[in-house]
Amino acid sequence: MDEIHDATSEIACDVLVIGGGTAGPMAALKAKLRNPKARVVLLEKANVKRSGAIAMGMDGLNNAVIPGYATPER
């Protein structure tokens, strides 16, 4: 029988964004831009290589929707 480990940790933050899909990183970025001193945490259920928009090859879309920040060359 597999052992069950109760691993917990506590991180203090001002804004917690749950989900690293297409909207999550944008929400976290917007929160940080609105208040640069805010402690913003983006919580994702899995490694970035296996989950969320980046795993789906959508990272270009996330960059492209930030006007004045991303360029096609970047």
Protein backbone atom coordinates (compact mmCIF):
# COMPACT_ATOMS: atom_id res chain seq x y z
CA MET A 1 0.00 0.00 0.00
CA ASP A 2 1.28 3.46 -0.91
CA GLU A 3 2.09 5.85 1.88
CA ILE A 4 0.15 9.07 2.00
CA HIS A 5 2.22 12.14 2.82
CA ASP A 6 0.61 15.34 4.01
CA ALA A 7 2.94 17.94 2.54
CA THR A 8 1.87 21.47 3.27
CA SER A 9 3.52 24.83 3.04
CA GLU A 10 2.41 28.37 3.61
CA ILE A 11 3.12 31.30 1.32
CA ALA A 12 1.89 34.78 2.16
CA CYS A 13 0.59 36.78 -0.78
CA ASP A 14 -1.70 39.66 -1.65
CA VAL A 15 -3.13 38.07 -4.80
CA LEU A 16 -3.51 34.35 -5.45
CA VAL A 17 -4.30 33.28 -9.01
CA ILE A 18 -5.31 29.65 -9.37
CA GLY A 19 -4.69 28.09 -12.79
CA GLY A 20 -1.93 28.53 -15.34
CA GLY A 21 -4.10 28.31 -18.44
CA THR A 22 -4.52 31.20 -20.83
CA ALA A 23 -6.22 33.53 -18.32
CA GLY A 24 -4.19 32.75 -15.20
CA PRO A 25 -0.82 34.21 -16.23
CA MET A 26 -2.55 37.26 -17.70
CA ALA A 27 -4.45 37.85 -14.44
CA ALA A 28 -1.23 37.51 -12.43
CA LEU A 29 0.60 39.92 -14.74
CA LYS A 30 -2.22 42.48 -14.62
CA ALA A 31 -2.31 42.30 -10.81
CA LYS A 32 1.44 42.90 -10.60
CA LEU A 33 1.31 45.75 -13.10
CA ARG A 34 -1.53 47.37 -11.18
CA ASN A 35 0.40 47.15 -7.91
CA PRO A 36 4.11 46.37 -8.38
CA LYS A 37 4.57 45.96 -4.62
CA ALA A 38 1.89 43.26 -4.42
CA ARG A 39 2.99 39.71 -3.72
CA VAL A 40 1.35 37.79 -6.57
CA VAL A 41 1.36 33.98 -6.62
CA LEU A 42 0.28 31.90 -9.61
CA LEU A 43 -0.72 28.40 -8.51
CA GLU A 44 -0.61 25.63 -11.13
CA LYS A 45 -1.41 21.97 -10.53
CA ALA A 46 1.47 20.54 -12.54
CA ASN A 47 4.87 21.27 -14.01
CA VAL A 48 4.76 23.99 -16.66
CA LYS A 49 5.97 21.45 -19.26
CA ARG A 50 2.88 19.28 -18.71
CA SER A 51 0.07 21.66 -17.86
CA GLY A 52 -1.57 24.92 -18.79
CA ALA A 53 -1.38 27.05 -21.89
CA ILE A 54 2.37 26.65 -22.37
CA ALA A 55 2.02 22.88 -22.60
CA MET A 56 -0.57 23.39 -25.31
CA GLY A 57 1.82 25.55 -27.37
CA MET A 58 -0.15 28.70 -26.62
CA ASP A 59 2.62 30.77 -25.06
CA GLY A 60 2.82 32.87 -28.23
CA LEU A 61 -0.84 33.81 -27.76
CA ASN A 62 -0.22 34.89 -24.18
CA ASN A 63 2.61 37.16 -25.32
CA ALA A 64 0.74 38.56 -28.29
CA VAL A 65 -2.17 39.86 -26.21
CA ILE A 66 0.04 42.27 -24.24
CA PRO A 67 -0.07 45.45 -26.38
CA GLY A 68 3.21 47.31 -26.48
CA TYR A 69 5.09 44.54 -24.68
CA ALA A 70 5.59 41.66 -27.09
CA THR A 71 6.73 41.99 -30.67
CA PRO A 72 6.79 39.32 -33.39
CA GLU A 73 10.60 39.32 -33.14
CA ARG A 74 10.51 38.47 -29.43
